[in-house]
């Protein structure tokens, strides 16, 4: 015998499923937008340190490590030349940190014509120390440290925006405070 009765249709279930799917999709999209905005503001809150400030901080940390006084000249000059290379990365926009010393010496007169001789002299001196050709002199090391501290500070002063707050003050403006070098160098 054949059943003459048709099966009951289930149309109401599809509309409920579609409605639930739409609600989930809208809520996930809203959550994604909220997370995107939240992390964007959170990321914008972090201040990026300029390259010259980072170089000054790294140089201060290097002086505090006392490599030079403990006789670790190679480590001292390796880190010192790395700091200078990262400074040149930021100043020129080129990747000096991956270049060899001979390549750096070839590029310096083109990018920094005024200070190319001092920079190339430093890199030559640092290479001789790093490859254990001789023990560095304390006076030469102190001169290089003082030169680069002045260089990094001058870069900081030239990069800071000038504030115009009216007429010039009657008393002279104090010079910026440079980090002190340790006595053992």
Protein backbone atom coordinates (compact mmCIF):
# COMPACT_ATOMS: atom_id res chain seq x y z
CA UNK A 1 0.00 0.00 0.00
CA UNK A 2 1.23 3.45 -0.84
CA UNK A 3 1.10 6.33 1.57
CA UNK A 4 -0.88 9.13 -0.03
CA UNK A 5 0.05 11.69 2.56
CA UNK A 6 2.98 14.02 1.68
CA UNK A 7 5.73 14.79 4.15
CA UNK A 8 5.32 18.01 6.08
CA UNK A 9 7.66 20.80 4.89
CA UNK A 10 10.09 22.38 7.28
CA UNK A 11 10.34 25.94 5.96
CA UNK A 12 10.45 27.64 9.33
CA UNK A 13 13.74 25.98 10.26
CA UNK A 14 15.67 27.50 7.32
CA UNK A 15 14.65 31.02 8.20
CA UNK A 16 15.70 30.52 11.82
CA UNK A 17 19.07 29.07 10.76
CA UNK A 18 19.66 31.94 8.33
CA UNK A 19 18.78 34.48 11.04
CA UNK A 20 21.20 32.85 13.51
CA UNK A 21 23.94 32.78 10.86
CA UNK A 22 23.43 36.50 10.12
CA UNK A 23 23.56 37.40 13.82
CA UNK A 24 26.81 35.46 14.27
CA UNK A 25 28.36 37.05 11.16
CA UNK A 26 27.43 40.58 12.25
CA UNK A 27 28.72 40.02 15.79
CA UNK A 28 32.04 38.59 14.53
CA UNK A 29 32.46 41.53 12.14
CA UNK A 30 31.75 44.01 14.93
CA UNK A 31 34.21 42.23 17.25
CA UNK A 32 36.87 42.31 14.51
CA UNK A 33 36.39 46.05 13.99
CA UNK A 34 36.56 46.71 17.72
CA UNK A 35 39.78 44.68 18.09
CA UNK A 36 41.30 46.43 15.07
CA UNK A 37 40.54 49.87 16.50
CA UNK A 38 41.70 48.86 20.00
CA UNK A 39 45.06 47.50 18.84
CA UNK A 40 45.58 50.44 16.51
CA UNK A 41 45.16 52.90 19.40
CA UNK A 42 47.27 50.70 21.64
CA UNK A 43 50.02 50.63 19.01
CA UNK A 44 49.79 54.39 18.47
CA UNK A 45 50.34 54.93 22.18
CA UNK A 46 53.85 53.48 22.00
CA UNK A 47 56.43 56.13 21.21
CA UNK A 48 59.18 55.21 18.79
CA UNK A 49 62.63 56.28 19.95
CA UNK A 50 64.55 58.28 17.33
CA UNK A 51 67.80 56.79 16.08
CA UNK A 52 70.01 59.43 17.70
CA UNK A 53 68.35 58.95 21.11
CA UNK A 54 68.73 55.19 20.77
CA UNK A 55 72.41 55.64 19.90
CA UNK A 56 72.98 57.82 22.97
CA UNK A 57 71.22 55.30 25.22
CA UNK A 58 73.22 52.41 23.76
CA UNK A 59 76.47 54.35 24.20
CA UNK A 60 75.64 55.01 27.86
CA UNK A 61 74.89 51.31 28.39
CA UNK A 62 78.17 50.40 26.71
CA UNK A 63 80.12 52.71 29.00
CA UNK A 64 78.42 51.15 32.04
CA UNK A 65 79.37 47.59 31.00
CA UNK A 66 83.07 48.24 31.77
CA UNK A 67 84.37 46.11 28.90
CA UNK A 68 87.36 48.36 28.48
CA UNK A 69 88.47 48.29 32.11
CA UNK A 70 88.19 44.48 32.27
CA UNK A 71 90.32 44.05 29.14
CA UNK A 72 87.55 42.97 26.75
CA UNK A 73 88.63 45.34 23.98
CA UNK A 74 87.24 43.28 21.12
CA UNK A 75 83.75 43.12 22.63
CA UNK A 76 83.84 46.82 23.44
CA UNK A 77 84.79 47.86 19.90
CA UNK A 78 82.39 45.36 18.35
CA UNK A 79 79.45 46.87 20.24
CA UNK A 80 80.76 50.42 19.72
CA UNK A 81 80.99 49.97 15.94
CA UNK A 82 77.53 48.34 15.90
CA UNK A 83 76.08 51.40 17.67
CA UNK A 84 77.73 53.73 15.14
CA UNK A 85 76.46 51.60 12.23
CA UNK A 86 72.89 51.73 13.56
CA UNK A 87 73.24 55.50 13.94
CA UNK A 88 74.33 55.74 10.31
CA UNK A 89 71.37 53.51 9.34
CA UNK A 90 68.96 56.01 10.83
CA UNK A 91 70.78 59.12 9.62
CA UNK A 92 71.19 58.11 5.98
CA UNK A 93 68.36 55.62 5.48
CA UNK A 94 70.80 52.98 4.19
CA UNK A 95 71.63 49.66 5.79
CA UNK A 96 75.13 50.23 7.14
CA UNK A 97 74.70 47.48 9.73
CA UNK A 98 74.98 44.76 7.06
CA UNK A 99 77.90 46.29 5.15
CA UNK A 100 81.57 45.51 5.59
CA UNK A 101 84.03 48.19 6.63
CA UNK A 102 85.46 48.65 3.14
CA UNK A 103 81.98 49.20 1.71
CA UNK A 104 81.19 51.69 4.48
CA UNK A 105 84.40 53.61 3.76
CA UNK A 106 83.43 53.84 0.09
CA UNK A 107 79.94 55.18 0.89
CA UNK A 108 80.83 57.64 3.66
CA UNK A 109 82.35 60.42 1.48
CA UNK A 110 79.19 60.41 -0.65
CA UNK A 111 76.73 60.52 2.25
CA UNK A 112 78.60 62.44 4.97
CA UNK A 113 81.26 64.59 3.29
CA UNK A 114 82.16 66.59 6.41
CA UNK A 115 82.66 63.74 8.87
CA UNK A 116 83.71 60.97 6.48
CA UNK A 117 87.35 61.05 7.58
CA UNK A 118 86.54 60.61 11.27
CA UNK A 119 83.97 57.88 10.63
CA UNK A 120 86.28 55.92 8.32
CA UNK A 121 89.18 56.37 10.76
CA UNK A 122 87.01 54.99 13.54
CA UNK A 123 85.93 51.97 11.50
CA UNK A 124 89.56 51.22 10.54
CA UNK A 125 90.64 51.51 14.16
CA UNK A 126 87.74 49.35 15.36
CA UNK A 127 88.55 46.66 12.79
CA UNK A 128 92.18 46.54 13.88
CA UNK A 129 91.08 46.11 17.49
CA UNK A 130 88.33 43.59 16.67
CA UNK A 131 90.71 41.40 14.68
CA UNK A 132 93.22 41.49 17.58
CA UNK A 133 95.95 43.35 15.75
CA UNK A 134 96.71 45.57 18.72
CA UNK A 135 95.44 46.79 22.07
CA UNK A 136 93.71 50.18 21.79
CA UNK A 137 94.90 53.28 23.57
CA UNK A 138 92.67 54.80 26.22
CA UNK A 139 93.11 58.34 24.87
CA UNK A 140 92.06 57.36 21.34
CA UNK A 141 89.05 55.49 22.67
CA UNK A 142 88.06 58.46 24.82
CA UNK A 143 88.40 60.80 21.80
CA UNK A 144 86.15 58.56 19.70
CA UNK A 145 83.60 58.29 22.49
CA UNK A 146 83.53 62.07 22.97
CA UNK A 147 83.28 62.66 19.22
CA UNK A 148 80.34 60.30 18.80
CA UNK A 149 78.55 61.64 21.86
CA UNK A 150 78.88 65.15 20.36
CA UNK A 151 77.75 63.83 16.96
CA UNK A 152 74.67 62.08 18.39
CA UNK A 153 73.79 65.10 20.53
CA UNK A 154 74.17 67.48 17.58
CA UNK A 155 71.86 65.26 15.57
CA UNK A 156 69.34 65.38 18.41
CA UNK A 157 69.52 69.18 18.54
CA UNK A 158 69.09 69.52 14.78
CA UNK A 159 66.12 67.14 14.76
CA UNK A 160 64.19 68.73 17.61
CA UNK A 161 61.47 71.15 16.52
CA UNK A 162 62.06 74.78 17.34
CA UNK A 163 59.42 76.33 19.59
CA UNK A 164 58.73 80.01 19.08
CA UNK A 165 57.36 81.33 22.35
CA UNK A 166 57.86 85.04 21.86
CA UNK A 167 60.94 87.24 22.22
CA UNK A 168 64.33 85.79 23.06
CA UNK A 169 65.16 85.47 26.75
CA UNK A 170 67.63 87.87 28.31
CA UNK A 171 69.68 85.12 29.93
CA UNK A 172 71.55 82.53 27.85
CA UNK A 173 69.99 79.13 27.30
CA UNK A 174 71.96 76.34 29.04
CA UNK A 175 73.77 73.86 26.82
CA UNK A 176 72.38 70.33 26.64
CA UNK A 177 73.76 67.89 29.17
CA UNK A 178 75.92 65.23 27.56
CA UNK A 179 76.31 61.82 29.19
CA UNK A 180 79.41 61.55 31.33
CA UNK A 181 82.16 59.18 30.33
CA UNK A 182 83.43 56.73 32.92
CA UNK A 183 86.86 57.44 34.39
CA UNK A 184 88.39 54.06 33.56
CA UNK A 185 88.35 54.68 29.79
